[in-house]
Amino acid sequence: MSVLDNFRDWKHFLGERVQAAKQAGMESELINQAAYQIGDYLASQVDPKNEEERLLKELWDSGDEEQQRTLASLMVKMVENESGVRQ
């Protein structure tokens, strides 16, 4: 089973990776850039596995690059807030 099959698992996975990046000293800007690149890859290469992923893909596809970067940043912030990761 992939972490993409369940949105809760995906958020947990992403939260762990954000936390590890912060603990390794990665700056927030680099984390947000990586989130944008991952989002761009997922939107273009991976079929949504659930309703949440379909919504995110529709939002991603509807936005321009700046809006996509904002969406990626918001995803990072969401998992930081849920996992207690501090910026």
C-alpha atoms as a PDB file:
ATOM      1  CA  MET A   1       0.000   0.000   0.000  1.00  0.00           C
ATOM      2  CA  SER A   2       1.339   3.417  -0.988  1.00  0.00           C
ATOM      3  CA  VAL A   3       1.230   6.523   1.222  1.00  0.00           C
ATOM      4  CA  LEU A   4      -0.747   8.059  -1.641  1.00  0.00           C
ATOM      5  CA  ASP A   5      -3.630   5.605  -1.165  1.00  0.00           C
ATOM      6  CA  ASN A   6      -4.842   7.326   2.001  1.00  0.00           C
ATOM      7  CA  PHE A   7      -4.726  11.094   2.441  1.00  0.00           C
ATOM      8  CA  ARG A   8      -4.132  10.855   6.205  1.00  0.00           C
ATOM      9  CA  ASP A   9      -1.124   8.613   5.536  1.00  0.00           C
ATOM     10  CA  TRP A  10       0.149  11.079   2.921  1.00  0.00           C
ATOM     11  CA  LYS A  11      -0.107  13.998   5.354  1.00  0.00           C
ATOM     12  CA  HIS A  12       1.681  11.977   8.049  1.00  0.00           C
ATOM     13  CA  PHE A  13       4.419  10.988   5.590  1.00  0.00           C
ATOM     14  CA  LEU A  14       4.837  14.582   4.423  1.00  0.00           C
ATOM     15  CA  GLY A  15       4.886  15.843   8.029  1.00  0.00           C
ATOM     16  CA  GLU A  16       7.656  13.403   8.930  1.00  0.00           C
ATOM     17  CA  ARG A  17       9.719  14.520   5.927  1.00  0.00           C
ATOM     18  CA  VAL A  18       9.232  18.208   6.738  1.00  0.00           C
ATOM     19  CA  GLN A  19      10.237  17.575  10.351  1.00  0.00           C
ATOM     20  CA  ALA A  20      13.354  15.650   9.255  1.00  0.00           C
ATOM     21  CA  ALA A  21      14.312  18.430   6.836  1.00  0.00           C
ATOM     22  CA  LYS A  22      13.966  21.078   9.552  1.00  0.00           C
ATOM     23  CA  GLN A  23      15.990  18.983  12.009  1.00  0.00           C
ATOM     24  CA  ALA A  24      18.699  18.660   9.357  1.00  0.00           C
ATOM     25  CA  GLY A  25      18.810  22.447   9.146  1.00  0.00           C
ATOM     26  CA  MET A  26      17.006  22.948   5.848  1.00  0.00           C
ATOM     27  CA  GLU A  27      15.584  26.442   5.449  1.00  0.00           C
ATOM     28  CA  SER A  28      11.823  26.897   5.027  1.00  0.00           C
ATOM     29  CA  GLU A  29      12.301  28.338   1.541  1.00  0.00           C
ATOM     30  CA  LEU A  30      14.068  25.170   0.380  1.00  0.00           C
ATOM     31  CA  ILE A  31      11.374  22.994   1.939  1.00  0.00           C
ATOM     32  CA  ASN A  32       8.684  24.992   0.145  1.00  0.00           C
ATOM     33  CA  GLN A  33      10.621  24.715  -3.138  1.00  0.00           C
ATOM     34  CA  ALA A  34      10.843  20.942  -2.707  1.00  0.00           C
ATOM     35  CA  ALA A  35       7.117  20.799  -1.911  1.00  0.00           C
ATOM     36  CA  TYR A  36       6.390  22.716  -5.117  1.00  0.00           C
ATOM     37  CA  GLN A  37       8.519  20.327  -7.178  1.00  0.00           C
ATOM     38  CA  ILE A  38       6.853  17.298  -5.581  1.00  0.00           C
ATOM     39  CA  GLY A  39       3.411  18.819  -6.137  1.00  0.00           C
ATOM     40  CA  ASP A  40       4.225  19.526  -9.770  1.00  0.00           C
ATOM     41  CA  TYR A  41       5.437  15.958 -10.264  1.00  0.00           C
ATOM     42  CA  LEU A  42       2.398  14.434  -8.555  1.00  0.00           C
ATOM     43  CA  ALA A  43      -0.032  16.619 -10.503  1.00  0.00           C
ATOM     44  CA  SER A  44       1.500  15.662 -13.843  1.00  0.00           C
ATOM     45  CA  GLN A  45       2.553  12.050 -13.267  1.00  0.00           C
ATOM     46  CA  VAL A  46       0.369  10.415 -10.601  1.00  0.00           C
ATOM     47  CA  ASP A  47      -3.333   9.654 -10.807  1.00  0.00           C
ATOM     48  CA  PRO A  48      -5.236  10.851  -7.722  1.00  0.00           C
ATOM     49  CA  LYS A  49      -6.083   7.929  -5.430  1.00  0.00           C
ATOM     50  CA  ASN A  50      -8.795   9.601  -3.356  1.00  0.00           C
ATOM     51  CA  GLU A  51     -11.125  12.609  -3.240  1.00  0.00           C
ATOM     52  CA  GLU A  52      -8.640  14.828  -1.398  1.00  0.00           C
ATOM     53  CA  GLU A  53      -5.944  14.193  -3.968  1.00  0.00           C
ATOM     54  CA  ARG A  54      -8.426  14.860  -6.789  1.00  0.00           C
ATOM     55  CA  LEU A  55      -9.290  18.206  -5.201  1.00  0.00           C
ATOM     56  CA  LEU A  56      -5.616  19.123  -4.796  1.00  0.00           C
ATOM     57  CA  LYS A  57      -4.940  18.189  -8.440  1.00  0.00           C
ATOM     58  CA  GLU A  58      -7.873  20.313  -9.621  1.00  0.00           C
ATOM     59  CA  LEU A  59      -6.650  23.253  -7.541  1.00  0.00           C
ATOM     60  CA  TRP A  60      -3.088  22.754  -8.808  1.00  0.00           C
ATOM     61  CA  ASP A  61      -4.195  22.546 -12.433  1.00  0.00           C
ATOM     62  CA  SER A  62      -6.392  25.647 -12.034  1.00  0.00           C
ATOM     63  CA  GLY A  63      -3.622  27.842 -10.661  1.00  0.00           C
ATOM     64  CA  ASP A  64      -0.679  29.604 -12.202  1.00  0.00           C
ATOM     65  CA  GLU A  65       2.852  28.949 -10.909  1.00  0.00           C
ATOM     66  CA  GLU A  66       2.564  31.482  -8.087  1.00  0.00           C
ATOM     67  CA  GLN A  67      -0.702  29.956  -6.907  1.00  0.00           C
ATOM     68  CA  GLN A  68       0.792  26.457  -7.133  1.00  0.00           C
ATOM     69  CA  ARG A  69       3.723  27.586  -4.997  1.00  0.00           C
ATOM     70  CA  THR A  70       1.244  28.996  -2.482  1.00  0.00           C
ATOM     71  CA  LEU A  71      -0.661  25.710  -2.433  1.00  0.00           C
ATOM     72  CA  ALA A  72       2.570  23.770  -1.863  1.00  0.00           C
ATOM     73  CA  SER A  73       3.531  26.147   0.945  1.00  0.00           C
ATOM     74  CA  LEU A  74       0.099  25.736   2.521  1.00  0.00           C
ATOM     75  CA  MET A  75       0.455  21.949   2.425  1.00  0.00           C
ATOM     76  CA  VAL A  76       3.778  22.267   4.271  1.00  0.00           C
ATOM     77  CA  LYS A  77       2.218  24.612   6.810  1.00  0.00           C
ATOM     78  CA  MET A  78      -0.753  22.261   7.290  1.00  0.00           C
ATOM     79  CA  VAL A  79       1.440  19.266   8.115  1.00  0.00           C
ATOM     80  CA  GLU A  80       3.663  21.423  10.336  1.00  0.00           C
ATOM     81  CA  ASN A  81       0.608  22.532  12.303  1.00  0.00           C
ATOM     82  CA  GLU A  82      -0.764  18.995  12.567  1.00  0.00           C
ATOM     83  CA  SER A  83       2.520  17.422  13.621  1.00  0.00           C
ATOM     84  CA  GLY A  84       3.669  20.227  15.892  1.00  0.00           C
ATOM     85  CA  VAL A  85       6.685  21.059  13.722  1.00  0.00           C
ATOM     86  CA  ARG A  86       7.838  24.624  14.371  1.00  0.00           C
ATOM     87  CA  GLN A  87       9.151  26.895  11.690  1.00  0.00           C
END
